[in-house]
Amino acid sequence: MQQLNAQKDSNAWIMQTWAAFFLSIGMTTTGIICLPVDFWTKGFMGMGLGFSVASTFSLGKTQRDLYESTRLTSKIEEAKVEQILSQHGVLK
């Protein structure tokens, strides 16, 4: 059976994604704090930022789970085909 290699990200890529995440959150938060509006408007925008970040993580996790489930399904189907072929002597 053909093994699918797990994709590994480099440490540099992981560092860059975390740095970009914290930089973007920090800059957006600073922008909200420095706005010349009242506290309630800043609070509302801060809540919007929080919900946007949380929904982005949820969406990313959902997409990853869907991708991994299709990979598992294709591995199971491939194993079934190999078993059938080996039973009928095609692979011998």
N, C-alpha and C. Protein backbone atom coordinates (compact mmCIF):
# COMPACT_ATOMS: atom_id res chain seq x y z
N MET A 1 0.84 -1.18 0.00
CA MET A 1 0.00 0.00 0.00
C MET A 1 0.88 1.24 0.00
N GLN A 2 0.51 2.23 -0.77
CA GLN A 2 1.27 3.46 -0.86
C GLN A 2 0.99 4.32 0.37
N GLN A 3 2.05 4.72 1.04
CA GLN A 3 1.92 5.55 2.23
C GLN A 3 1.85 7.02 1.83
N LEU A 4 0.89 7.74 2.39
CA LEU A 4 0.83 9.18 2.18
C LEU A 4 1.65 9.85 3.28
N ASN A 5 2.63 10.62 2.87
CA ASN A 5 3.48 11.29 3.84
C ASN A 5 2.76 12.49 4.42
N ALA A 6 2.87 12.64 5.74
CA ALA A 6 2.28 13.79 6.39
C ALA A 6 3.08 15.03 6.02
N GLN A 7 2.37 16.08 5.65
CA GLN A 7 3.04 17.32 5.28
C GLN A 7 3.52 18.01 6.55
N LYS A 8 4.78 18.37 6.56
CA LYS A 8 5.35 19.06 7.72
C LYS A 8 5.71 20.48 7.31
N ASP A 9 5.28 21.43 8.13
CA ASP A 9 5.64 22.82 7.89
C ASP A 9 6.97 23.13 8.54
N SER A 10 7.72 24.02 7.94
CA SER A 10 9.02 24.39 8.51
C SER A 10 8.81 25.27 9.74
N ASN A 11 9.82 25.31 10.60
CA ASN A 11 9.74 26.15 11.79
C ASN A 11 9.63 27.63 11.41
N ALA A 12 10.29 28.02 10.31
CA ALA A 12 10.22 29.40 9.86
C ALA A 12 8.79 29.77 9.46
N TRP A 13 8.11 28.86 8.77
CA TRP A 13 6.73 29.13 8.36
C TRP A 13 5.82 29.24 9.58
N ILE A 14 5.98 28.36 10.54
CA ILE A 14 5.17 28.39 11.76
C ILE A 14 5.40 29.70 12.50
N MET A 15 6.67 30.11 12.64
CA MET A 15 6.99 31.38 13.31
C MET A 15 6.37 32.55 12.57
N GLN A 16 6.44 32.53 11.24
CA GLN A 16 5.91 33.64 10.45
C GLN A 16 4.40 33.75 10.61
N THR A 17 3.69 32.62 10.62
CA THR A 17 2.24 32.68 10.76
C THR A 17 1.83 33.20 12.13
N TRP A 18 2.53 32.76 13.19
CA TRP A 18 2.21 33.27 14.53
C TRP A 18 2.54 34.75 14.64
N ALA A 19 3.69 35.16 14.09
CA ALA A 19 4.07 36.57 14.14
C ALA A 19 3.05 37.44 13.40
N ALA A 20 2.62 36.98 12.22
CA ALA A 20 1.62 37.73 11.45
C ALA A 20 0.30 37.81 12.21
N PHE A 21 -0.08 36.72 12.87
CA PHE A 21 -1.32 36.72 13.64
C PHE A 21 -1.26 37.76 14.77
N PHE A 22 -0.21 37.69 15.59
CA PHE A 22 -0.11 38.61 16.71
C PHE A 22 0.08 40.06 16.26
N LEU A 23 0.81 40.27 15.18
CA LEU A 23 1.00 41.61 14.66
C LEU A 23 -0.33 42.20 14.17
N SER A 24 -1.10 41.40 13.45
CA SER A 24 -2.38 41.91 12.93
C SER A 24 -3.37 42.18 14.06
N ILE A 25 -3.44 41.30 15.04
CA ILE A 25 -4.33 41.53 16.18
C ILE A 25 -3.87 42.75 16.97
N GLY A 26 -2.57 42.87 17.19
CA GLY A 26 -2.04 44.01 17.94
C GLY A 26 -2.29 45.33 17.24
N MET A 27 -2.06 45.36 15.93
CA MET A 27 -2.25 46.60 15.19
C MET A 27 -3.73 46.98 15.12
N THR A 28 -4.60 46.00 14.93
CA THR A 28 -6.03 46.30 14.89
C THR A 28 -6.52 46.78 16.26
N THR A 29 -6.06 46.14 17.32
CA THR A 29 -6.44 46.56 18.67
C THR A 29 -5.95 47.98 18.95
N THR A 30 -4.71 48.28 18.56
CA THR A 30 -4.17 49.63 18.74
C THR A 30 -4.99 50.64 17.96
N GLY A 31 -5.37 50.29 16.74
CA GLY A 31 -6.21 51.17 15.93
C GLY A 31 -7.55 51.44 16.58
N ILE A 32 -8.15 50.41 17.16
CA ILE A 32 -9.45 50.58 17.82
C ILE A 32 -9.30 51.48 19.05
N ILE A 33 -8.23 51.25 19.82
CA ILE A 33 -8.02 52.04 21.04
C ILE A 33 -7.78 53.51 20.70
N CYS A 34 -7.07 53.77 19.62
CA CYS A 34 -6.72 55.16 19.26
C CYS A 34 -7.82 55.90 18.49
N LEU A 35 -8.91 55.23 18.19
CA LEU A 35 -9.99 55.90 17.47
C LEU A 35 -10.57 57.05 18.31
N PRO A 36 -10.88 58.17 17.68
CA PRO A 36 -11.47 59.29 18.43
C PRO A 36 -12.99 59.14 18.57
N VAL A 37 -13.41 58.04 19.19
CA VAL A 37 -14.84 57.78 19.42
C VAL A 37 -15.03 57.42 20.89
N ASP A 38 -16.28 57.32 21.30
CA ASP A 38 -16.55 57.01 22.71
C ASP A 38 -16.27 55.53 23.03
N PHE A 39 -16.29 55.23 24.31
CA PHE A 39 -15.93 53.90 24.81
C PHE A 39 -16.83 52.80 24.24
N TRP A 40 -18.12 53.08 24.11
CA TRP A 40 -19.05 52.05 23.64
C TRP A 40 -18.78 51.67 22.19
N THR A 41 -18.40 52.61 21.38
CA THR A 41 -18.07 52.30 19.98
C THR A 41 -16.80 51.45 19.91
N LYS A 42 -15.81 51.81 20.73
CA LYS A 42 -14.58 51.01 20.78
C LYS A 42 -14.87 49.60 21.27
N GLY A 43 -15.74 49.49 22.28
CA GLY A 43 -16.11 48.17 22.79
C GLY A 43 -16.80 47.32 21.74
N PHE A 44 -17.70 47.96 20.99
CA PHE A 44 -18.42 47.25 19.93
C PHE A 44 -17.45 46.76 18.86
N MET A 45 -16.50 47.60 18.47
CA MET A 45 -15.52 47.20 17.46
C MET A 45 -14.59 46.12 18.00
N GLY A 46 -14.25 46.21 19.28
CA GLY A 46 -13.43 45.17 19.90
C GLY A 46 -14.13 43.83 19.94
N MET A 47 -15.44 43.85 20.24
CA MET A 47 -16.21 42.60 20.20
C MET A 47 -16.25 42.03 18.79
N GLY A 48 -16.40 42.88 17.81
CA GLY A 48 -16.39 42.43 16.41
C GLY A 48 -15.07 41.79 16.05
N LEU A 49 -13.98 42.39 16.52
CA LEU A 49 -12.65 41.81 16.28
C LEU A 49 -12.54 40.44 16.94
N GLY A 50 -12.99 40.34 18.18
CA GLY A 50 -12.93 39.06 18.90
C GLY A 50 -13.73 37.97 18.21
N PHE A 51 -14.95 38.31 17.79
CA PHE A 51 -15.78 37.32 17.11
C PHE A 51 -15.19 36.95 15.75
N SER A 52 -14.59 37.90 15.06
CA SER A 52 -13.96 37.60 13.76
C SER A 52 -12.79 36.63 13.93
N VAL A 53 -11.97 36.86 14.95
CA VAL A 53 -10.84 35.96 15.20
C VAL A 53 -11.34 34.56 15.56
N ALA A 54 -12.34 34.48 16.46
CA ALA A 54 -12.86 33.17 16.87
C ALA A 54 -13.49 32.42 15.71
N SER A 55 -14.25 33.12 14.88
CA SER A 55 -14.88 32.44 13.74
C SER A 55 -13.85 32.02 12.70
N THR A 56 -12.76 32.77 12.57
CA THR A 56 -11.70 32.38 11.65
C THR A 56 -11.04 31.09 12.10
N PHE A 57 -10.77 30.97 13.41
CA PHE A 57 -10.21 29.72 13.92
C PHE A 57 -11.18 28.55 13.71
N SER A 58 -12.46 28.78 13.96
CA SER A 58 -13.45 27.72 13.77
C SER A 58 -13.52 27.29 12.31
N LEU A 59 -13.51 28.25 11.41
CA LEU A 59 -13.55 27.94 9.98
C LEU A 59 -12.31 27.16 9.56
N GLY A 60 -11.15 27.59 10.01
CA GLY A 60 -9.92 26.88 9.68
C GLY A 60 -9.92 25.45 10.18
N LYS A 61 -10.38 25.24 11.42
CA LYS A 61 -10.45 23.90 11.99
C LYS A 61 -11.45 23.03 11.22
N THR A 62 -12.58 23.60 10.87
CA THR A 62 -13.59 22.85 10.12
C THR A 62 -13.06 22.42 8.76
N GLN A 63 -12.39 23.32 8.06
CA GLN A 63 -11.82 22.98 6.75
C GLN A 63 -10.75 21.90 6.88
N ARG A 64 -9.90 21.99 7.90
CA ARG A 64 -8.88 20.97 8.13
C ARG A 64 -9.52 19.62 8.43
N ASP A 65 -10.57 19.61 9.27
CA ASP A 65 -11.25 18.37 9.60
C ASP A 65 -11.89 17.74 8.38
N LEU A 66 -12.50 18.56 7.51
CA LEU A 66 -13.10 18.03 6.28
C LEU A 66 -12.03 17.43 5.38
N TYR A 67 -10.90 18.10 5.25
CA TYR A 67 -9.80 17.59 4.42
C TYR A 67 -9.27 16.28 4.98
N GLU A 68 -9.05 16.23 6.28
CA GLU A 68 -8.52 15.00 6.88
C GLU A 68 -9.51 13.85 6.80
N SER A 69 -10.81 14.14 6.88
CA SER A 69 -11.78 13.05 6.78
C SER A 69 -11.82 12.48 5.37
N THR A 70 -11.64 13.32 4.35
CA THR A 70 -11.61 12.78 2.98
C THR A 70 -10.34 11.98 2.75
N ARG A 71 -9.23 12.39 3.37
CA ARG A 71 -7.99 11.61 3.24
C ARG A 71 -8.17 10.25 3.88
N LEU A 72 -8.81 10.19 5.06
CA LEU A 72 -9.02 8.92 5.74
C LEU A 72 -9.96 8.03 4.93
N THR A 73 -11.00 8.63 4.37
CA THR A 73 -11.93 7.85 3.55
C THR A 73 -11.22 7.27 2.34
N SER A 74 -10.38 8.06 1.68
CA SER A 74 -9.67 7.54 0.50
C SER A 74 -8.66 6.47 0.90
N LYS A 75 -8.05 6.57 2.08
CA LYS A 75 -7.13 5.52 2.55
C LYS A 75 -7.88 4.22 2.79
N ILE A 76 -9.07 4.32 3.39
CA ILE A 76 -9.87 3.12 3.67
C ILE A 76 -10.30 2.47 2.35
N GLU A 77 -10.76 3.28 1.40
CA GLU A 77 -11.17 2.74 0.10
C GLU A 77 -9.99 2.10 -0.62
N GLU A 78 -8.82 2.71 -0.54
CA GLU A 78 -7.63 2.16 -1.18
C GLU A 78 -7.24 0.83 -0.54
N ALA A 79 -7.36 0.74 0.77
CA ALA A 79 -7.03 -0.51 1.47
C ALA A 79 -8.01 -1.62 1.07
N LYS A 80 -9.30 -1.28 0.91
CA LYS A 80 -10.29 -2.27 0.49
C LYS A 80 -9.98 -2.79 -0.92
N VAL A 81 -9.61 -1.89 -1.82
CA VAL A 81 -9.28 -2.29 -3.19
C VAL A 81 -8.05 -3.20 -3.18
N GLU A 82 -7.03 -2.84 -2.40
CA GLU A 82 -5.84 -3.68 -2.32
C GLU A 82 -6.16 -5.05 -1.76
N GLN A 83 -7.04 -5.11 -0.78
CA GLN A 83 -7.41 -6.40 -0.20
C GLN A 83 -8.13 -7.27 -1.22
N ILE A 84 -9.05 -6.66 -1.99
CA ILE A 84 -9.76 -7.41 -3.02
C ILE A 84 -8.80 -7.90 -4.08
N LEU A 85 -7.89 -7.04 -4.52
CA LEU A 85 -6.93 -7.43 -5.54
C LEU A 85 -5.99 -8.53 -5.05
N SER A 86 -5.58 -8.46 -3.80
CA SER A 86 -4.68 -9.51 -3.27
C SER A 86 -5.43 -10.84 -3.09
N GLN A 87 -6.70 -10.81 -2.79
CA GLN A 87 -7.49 -12.03 -2.65
C GLN A 87 -7.66 -12.74 -3.98
N HIS A 88 -7.70 -11.98 -5.05
CA HIS A 88 -7.89 -12.55 -6.38
C HIS A 88 -6.58 -12.80 -7.11
N GLY A 89 -5.48 -12.60 -6.41
CA GLY A 89 -4.19 -12.93 -6.98
C GLY A 89 -3.66 -11.96 -8.00
N VAL A 90 -4.23 -10.80 -8.10
CA VAL A 90 -3.77 -9.83 -9.08
C VAL A 90 -2.43 -9.22 -8.69
N LEU A 91 -2.20 -9.06 -7.41
CA LEU A 91 -0.97 -8.43 -6.94
C LEU A 91 0.16 -9.42 -6.70
N LYS A 92 -0.09 -10.72 -6.90
CA LYS A 92 0.95 -11.73 -6.63
C LYS A 92 1.90 -11.87 -7.79
